[in-house]
Amino acid sequence: MIKKSVDRLFVAYKPANIGSNRFLSKIKRRYGVKKAGFSGTLDPFAKGVLIIAFGRHTRLFQFLKKSPKTYRATLWLGAFSETLDIEKVTDIQRLMPFQEARIKNELDALIGEITYLPPKYSAKKIDGTRAYEMARAGKEVKLKQITSTVYDTKLIHYAHPFITFDITISEGGYIRSMAQIICERLGVQGSLSALERLCEGNFIYDQEKALNPFDFLDLEENFYLADSEDLILGRKVVLENFKVKNEGKYFVKLDKIVSILEIKDDKVSYLLNGVNIC
């Protein structure tokens, strides 16, 4: 068991049929920690990579490189569900098989920037309320279109009526929506019967091994040329004391301490300060 005061970053593997919050509660009990969090909610029916942090490391989530993300999905052609997955399948149509080349072509056609509507049964917020909460309450759900970048797709297996494929997509992408686009282009209805997140950026599952956060920061390193105590104590700092003076967000490493700062309009401001990430 880990001490309650520990700071830790690692990847857990969430099984299917459990919510991300409930899974985190199990992780906290197993490790005996009180403060913990996760990044990137997985739907209850989905499984796979879930980034977990304990203690002060939870403050690093917004600065980690977690994109692109790769998923393995199985699309059930002919199955209709309002949730776009197997939670509420209400109709199943028998369909003639497609040529495998047609399936590959539709997967390839997803690559690039794509604009679409998120699923109404999603964690997207509408005026502070989760879309799925409104949908389950029978309220009208009006979502705005979003744009994602699909970097790659790969057909893993087609055994009619099931298509299993990998898709690599930018952060915030919805695989259920990608599946619906495939169905629309094929002229059929369909729903996901399985979904697995394989990785988030370079985050992969490796038996919950502790990770060095410095290896995963999505920031350029900068160097402070004056008294390091300034950063440790959160004193006001000026641009002339930094090696890199271009606008942007940077991390400054002082042994095992990290400070994250932003340079803008020739001024330096703290985004996160004095966190020990040894």
Foldseek 3Di string as FASTA:
>chain_A
DADQQDKFKFKDKFAAQDWPVVVVVVVCVVRVYDAKDWPDTDDRRAIEIIIMIGHPCVLCVVFFQFDFWKKKFKKQFQWDDLQLEPPGTDGGDDDDDDDVVLLVVLQVVLAAKDKDWARLLAQDDDVRHGSNVCVVVVHDHDTDIDIKHWHDKAFDDPDPPMTIMMTTITPPDDVSGSSVSSCVVVVTHIGIHYMYTQGGVPRGHDPGDTDQRVVGGPFAAKEFQDDPVCQQVVHADFQVRIPDNDFDWHWYDDPQFIWIWTHDPRGIDTPGGGDGRD
